Structures are given as structure tokens and as C-alpha cells.
């Protein structure tokens, strides 16, 4: 796990947890960072790509970082796998939680029998193709570098640990809101609707990454407002 701090002199902190394969060097991620940095000192987390233990490799390192950073109070902004990870966090100081296309379920979901079969394979090497790489699935502003850096495969061990993270999601908190598109081809928007009531979900037209979609200009102010005010902003 890597954490990059962006400090332009803001008084308030924000934890930003990126999605699977997202990196701060990506142009569209930097666009999001620049917008949020207008109001917050950002602690941006890049998650490891290939993991075999969700808690040990994604959740616990963030909890340890927050404990060492000793932040007073702060909102969370998280995308995709970052939304799955931060939904498990129970760290002191967290105020509002704003999720962008959180990975609370997979679309299309693997048939249960196939999932169980794949999960039994005792292999931790990425051997299963992700099927990712279509710019339309990511967003119409997705760059070649961004797509090139995206994960191309995952392992049976990864399937097991993500399935466990989905199954053990804690109940939704009152200060959670989500932004998503109903045409998302990477995560399951139905899982978002099952977790949060409709008045805490803001829909947009675009790909999986709001910040890589042309719709971002119409929604970013609402994202920032939700970081400050929570569900009242949506």
C-alpha cells in the first residue's frame, strides 16, 4: 500500500482510497485529486493490485496509517475497491463516507458453483483474465496509459478474499452516500441499491469511473458537498 499526501494548505483532512489498479499518476485520478485538494489535505491510498488476504493487505494497513497519522476528524472518498475496503473501516475520526461506484458486488456475478470451483484452486498467481480494458466501461475520458496500467488478470486467491469481503460487509452507516451509473459493467449497481436507500444514491451517465467520464463536471461539486455535509448534500 502506498499513501501520497497532497497538502496545499487546507485545514481539513480527507482520506481518498483509490480503486483496483488506480494510481495517482493517472491523469484522471490527478484531476480528482486537484479538485478535492481545493478544500482538503488529501491522504491518497493506492491499493496493492494482487492480494490474497483482504484484511491483511487492504484494510489493516489503512487502519494502521490512520492510527499513526492521528487525524482529528475527516471524511472518506473512495472508489470501487476503495469503497469495499473503507466500508469495512471502523476507524475513529471518520465523518462522512462518499463512495464512487463502490465494489460491493460484481457485475455480472459469477455463477455460485463456478465461483466456488475457482475459489478452491490453490493458486495465488494471477492467471484468470479480468476482461477489463474497454474504454467505454471505464469512462469516455479514460487514457491509454490508464488502460495500459490496469490489471489484466487475477488469481483464485483474489476471488476468495474478495468474496469474503463482500459477504462480511458491515451494515451501512447513516453517513454513507454513493455515486454510480446503472450501466456499470465492472461492479454491480444492484449491490449498491441493496445497501443504501435511493435518497443516498446519486446516479450519473458514464462509465465505472466518474472521474474518467464527461459527467464528472456535473457531479464533482455534489461529491465535494457530500464530503462536507453527508447525505443532506444529495
Protein backbone atom coordinates (compact mmCIF):
# COMPACT_ATOMS: atom_id res chain seq x y z
CA UNK A 1 0.00 0.00 0.00
CA UNK A 2 1.23 3.48 -0.89
CA UNK A 3 -0.02 6.74 0.59
CA UNK A 4 0.61 10.10 -1.03
CA UNK A 5 -0.22 13.28 0.87
CA UNK A 6 -1.33 16.34 -1.09
CA UNK A 7 -1.14 19.43 1.10
CA UNK A 8 -1.98 22.78 -0.46
CA UNK A 9 -2.54 24.42 2.89
CA UNK A 10 -6.09 23.23 3.60
CA UNK A 11 -7.12 22.98 7.24
CA UNK A 12 -9.20 19.81 6.86
CA UNK A 13 -8.10 16.27 6.01
CA UNK A 14 -9.67 13.76 3.63
CA UNK A 15 -8.88 10.09 3.16
CA UNK A 16 -9.00 9.14 -0.53
CA UNK A 17 -8.82 5.42 -1.28
CA UNK A 18 -8.45 4.60 -4.97
CA UNK A 19 -9.80 1.61 -6.83
CA UNK A 20 -8.18 -1.57 -8.06
CA UNK A 21 -5.34 -0.55 -10.37
CA UNK A 22 -5.86 3.22 -9.98
CA UNK A 23 -2.68 5.22 -9.46
CA UNK A 24 -2.14 8.85 -8.55
CA UNK A 25 -0.03 9.30 -11.68
CA UNK A 26 -3.05 8.67 -13.88
CA UNK A 27 -4.30 11.86 -15.48
CA UNK A 28 -7.94 11.41 -14.46
CA UNK A 29 -7.07 10.45 -10.90
CA UNK A 30 -4.95 13.59 -10.69
CA UNK A 31 -7.91 15.60 -11.94
CA UNK A 32 -9.94 14.28 -9.00
CA UNK A 33 -7.10 14.93 -6.57
CA UNK A 34 -6.76 18.51 -7.79
CA UNK A 35 -10.45 19.20 -7.25
CA UNK A 36 -10.58 17.69 -3.76
CA UNK A 37 -7.30 19.40 -2.80
CA UNK A 38 -9.04 22.76 -3.20
CA UNK A 39 -10.75 22.03 0.13
CA UNK A 40 -8.82 19.24 1.83
CA UNK A 41 -5.38 17.93 2.68
CA UNK A 42 -5.57 14.58 0.91
CA UNK A 43 -4.21 11.26 2.13
CA UNK A 44 -4.43 9.26 -1.11
CA UNK A 45 -4.14 5.48 -0.82
CA UNK A 46 -3.05 3.27 -3.72
CA UNK A 47 -4.10 -0.32 -3.03
CA UNK A 48 -1.86 -3.26 -3.98
CA UNK A 49 -3.15 -4.94 -7.11
CA UNK A 50 -2.62 -8.64 -6.42
CA UNK A 51 -3.66 -9.70 -2.93
CA UNK A 52 -4.56 -12.94 -1.22
CA UNK A 53 -5.88 -11.54 2.08
CA UNK A 54 -8.31 -8.60 2.04
CA UNK A 55 -7.99 -7.72 5.69
CA UNK A 56 -4.21 -8.07 5.94
CA UNK A 57 -3.30 -6.35 2.66
CA UNK A 58 -6.02 -3.74 2.17
CA UNK A 59 -7.98 -2.89 5.32
CA UNK A 60 -5.43 -3.25 8.14
CA UNK A 61 -2.66 -1.14 6.51
CA UNK A 62 -5.12 1.76 6.14
CA UNK A 63 -6.22 1.43 9.76
CA UNK A 64 -2.57 1.48 10.84
CA UNK A 65 -1.86 4.54 8.72
CA UNK A 66 -4.82 6.40 10.21
CA UNK A 67 -3.69 5.50 13.72
CA UNK A 68 -0.17 6.79 13.04
CA UNK A 69 -1.44 9.93 11.30
CA UNK A 70 -3.63 10.72 14.33
CA UNK A 71 -6.14 12.71 12.30
CA UNK A 72 -8.81 14.57 14.24
CA UNK A 73 -11.87 14.16 12.03
CA UNK A 74 -12.07 13.55 8.30
CA UNK A 75 -14.40 12.39 5.53
CA UNK A 76 -13.67 9.43 3.28
CA UNK A 77 -13.81 9.47 -0.52
CA UNK A 78 -13.38 6.02 -2.02
CA UNK A 79 -13.69 4.48 -5.47
CA UNK A 80 -14.57 0.87 -6.38
CA UNK A 81 -12.26 -1.47 -4.42
CA UNK A 82 -11.52 1.50 -2.19
CA UNK A 83 -15.24 1.63 -1.44
CA UNK A 84 -15.22 -2.03 -0.47
CA UNK A 85 -12.20 -1.52 1.76
CA UNK A 86 -13.35 1.63 3.53
CA UNK A 87 -16.82 0.20 4.14
CA UNK A 88 -15.03 -2.24 6.46
CA UNK A 89 -13.16 0.51 8.33
CA UNK A 90 -14.30 1.47 11.80
CA UNK A 91 -11.52 3.97 12.49
CA UNK A 92 -12.13 6.86 14.89
CA UNK A 93 -12.50 10.28 13.32
CA UNK A 94 -14.34 9.25 10.15
CA UNK A 95 -17.27 11.57 9.47
CA UNK A 96 -18.96 11.27 6.06
CA UNK A 97 -18.25 8.46 3.61
CA UNK A 98 -18.66 9.17 -0.11
CA UNK A 99 -18.34 6.22 -2.45
CA UNK A 100 -17.79 6.33 -6.20
CA UNK A 101 -19.02 3.11 -7.84
CA UNK A 102 -18.21 1.04 -4.73
CA UNK A 103 -17.34 -2.61 -5.35
CA UNK A 104 -19.99 -4.17 -3.11
CA UNK A 105 -20.83 -6.80 -5.70
CA UNK A 106 -19.60 -7.95 -9.11
CA UNK A 107 -21.48 -7.48 -12.37
CA UNK A 108 -22.09 -9.79 -14.00
CA UNK A 109 -21.82 -12.02 -10.93
CA UNK A 110 -20.11 -15.35 -11.38
CA UNK A 111 -22.45 -18.31 -11.01
CA UNK A 112 -22.17 -19.54 -7.44
CA UNK A 113 -20.95 -23.01 -8.44
CA UNK A 114 -18.30 -21.56 -10.75
CA UNK A 115 -17.20 -19.11 -8.06
CA UNK A 116 -16.81 -21.93 -5.56
CA UNK A 117 -14.89 -24.02 -8.09
CA UNK A 118 -12.49 -21.18 -8.95
CA UNK A 119 -12.02 -20.26 -5.29
CA UNK A 120 -10.92 -23.82 -4.47
CA UNK A 121 -7.96 -23.67 -6.84
CA UNK A 122 -4.87 -23.36 -4.60
CA UNK A 123 -3.20 -20.73 -6.75
CA UNK A 124 -2.22 -17.18 -5.79
CA UNK A 125 -0.70 -16.25 -9.16
CA UNK A 126 -2.88 -14.06 -11.44
CA UNK A 127 -3.97 -16.50 -14.15
CA UNK A 128 -7.60 -15.52 -14.80
CA UNK A 129 -8.21 -12.70 -17.32
CA UNK A 130 -10.15 -9.75 -15.96
CA UNK A 131 -11.79 -8.83 -19.24
CA UNK A 132 -11.09 -5.18 -18.45
CA UNK A 133 -9.68 -2.76 -20.98
CA UNK A 134 -12.71 -1.44 -22.84
CA UNK A 135 -12.54 2.38 -22.55
CA UNK A 136 -16.34 2.62 -22.62
CA UNK A 137 -16.53 0.51 -19.46
CA UNK A 138 -14.11 2.80 -17.62
CA UNK A 139 -15.24 6.17 -18.97
CA UNK A 140 -15.09 8.15 -22.18
CA UNK A 141 -12.12 10.17 -20.86
CA UNK A 142 -10.02 7.11 -19.99
CA UNK A 143 -6.44 7.48 -21.25
CA UNK A 144 -4.24 4.89 -22.95
CA UNK A 145 -1.79 4.98 -20.04
CA UNK A 146 -4.59 4.39 -17.58
CA UNK A 147 -5.90 1.41 -19.51
CA UNK A 148 -2.40 0.03 -20.00
CA UNK A 149 -1.74 0.13 -16.26
CA UNK A 150 -5.00 -1.61 -15.42
CA UNK A 151 -4.91 -5.16 -14.03
CA UNK A 152 -5.12 -7.81 -16.73
CA UNK A 153 -5.55 -10.89 -14.54
CA UNK A 154 -6.48 -12.03 -11.07
CA UNK A 155 -5.90 -15.14 -9.03
CA UNK A 156 -8.22 -17.72 -7.44
CA UNK A 157 -6.92 -16.48 -4.08
CA UNK A 158 -8.07 -12.99 -5.03
CA UNK A 159 -11.54 -14.38 -5.82
CA UNK A 160 -11.70 -15.97 -2.39
CA UNK A 161 -10.67 -12.91 -0.43
CA UNK A 162 -12.96 -10.52 -2.35
CA UNK A 163 -15.92 -12.90 -1.97
CA UNK A 164 -15.25 -12.98 1.77
CA UNK A 165 -15.06 -9.17 1.89
CA UNK A 166 -18.44 -8.95 0.14
CA UNK A 167 -20.02 -11.49 2.47
CA UNK A 168 -18.73 -9.77 5.62
CA UNK A 169 -19.63 -6.18 4.73
CA UNK A 170 -20.85 -4.46 7.90
CA UNK A 171 -24.25 -2.74 7.91
CA UNK A 172 -24.40 0.59 6.10
CA UNK A 173 -23.75 3.65 8.22
CA UNK A 174 -26.03 6.69 8.29
CA UNK A 175 -23.38 8.99 6.80
CA UNK A 176 -22.74 6.92 3.66
CA UNK A 177 -23.65 8.11 0.15
CA UNK A 178 -22.77 6.68 -3.24
CA UNK A 179 -22.45 7.85 -6.82
CA UNK A 180 -22.87 5.25 -9.55
CA UNK A 181 -24.14 4.51 -13.04
CA UNK A 182 -26.78 1.87 -13.68
CA UNK A 183 -24.86 0.70 -16.75
CA UNK A 184 -21.69 -0.13 -14.79
CA UNK A 185 -20.05 -3.21 -16.36
CA UNK A 186 -17.44 -3.68 -13.64
CA UNK A 187 -19.28 -3.56 -10.33
CA UNK A 188 -22.88 -4.49 -9.67
CA UNK A 189 -25.06 -1.39 -9.16
CA UNK A 190 -27.74 -3.63 -7.65
CA UNK A 191 -25.46 -4.26 -4.68
CA UNK A 192 -25.27 -0.51 -4.14
CA UNK A 193 -29.06 -0.20 -4.25
CA UNK A 194 -29.43 -3.09 -1.82
CA UNK A 195 -27.08 -1.46 0.68
CA UNK A 196 -28.18 2.18 0.52
CA UNK A 197 -31.63 3.75 0.19
CA UNK A 198 -32.37 5.64 -3.03
CA UNK A 199 -32.12 9.05 -1.38
CA UNK A 200 -28.46 8.35 -0.60
CA UNK A 201 -27.52 7.31 -4.14
CA UNK A 202 -26.78 9.82 -6.90
CA UNK A 203 -26.84 8.42 -10.44
CA UNK A 204 -24.76 9.64 -13.37
CA UNK A 205 -24.40 8.69 -17.03
CA UNK A 206 -20.94 7.39 -17.82
CA UNK A 207 -18.51 4.59 -17.12
CA UNK A 208 -17.32 2.91 -13.94
CA UNK A 209 -15.05 5.84 -13.07
CA UNK A 210 -16.94 9.08 -12.58
CA UNK A 211 -13.63 10.97 -12.73
CA UNK A 212 -12.89 9.38 -16.13
CA UNK A 213 -16.30 10.27 -17.56
CA UNK A 214 -17.53 13.50 -19.13
CA UNK A 215 -20.26 13.57 -16.48
CA UNK A 216 -17.66 14.45 -13.84
CA UNK A 217 -18.07 18.21 -14.30
CA UNK A 218 -21.77 17.98 -13.45
CA UNK A 219 -21.29 15.97 -10.29
CA UNK A 220 -18.00 16.92 -8.66
CA UNK A 221 -19.48 19.84 -6.72
CA UNK A 222 -22.05 17.45 -5.26
CA UNK A 223 -19.29 14.99 -4.35
CA UNK A 224 -17.45 17.76 -2.51
CA UNK A 225 -20.65 18.87 -0.80
CA UNK A 226 -21.32 15.30 0.32
CA UNK A 227 -17.83 15.09 1.84
CA UNK A 228 -18.73 18.10 3.96
CA UNK A 229 -22.41 17.57 4.68
CA UNK A 230 -23.06 13.87 4.08
CA UNK A 231 -26.47 12.63 2.83
CA UNK A 232 -28.02 16.11 3.18
CA UNK A 233 -25.97 17.17 0.13
CA UNK A 234 -27.54 14.64 -2.23
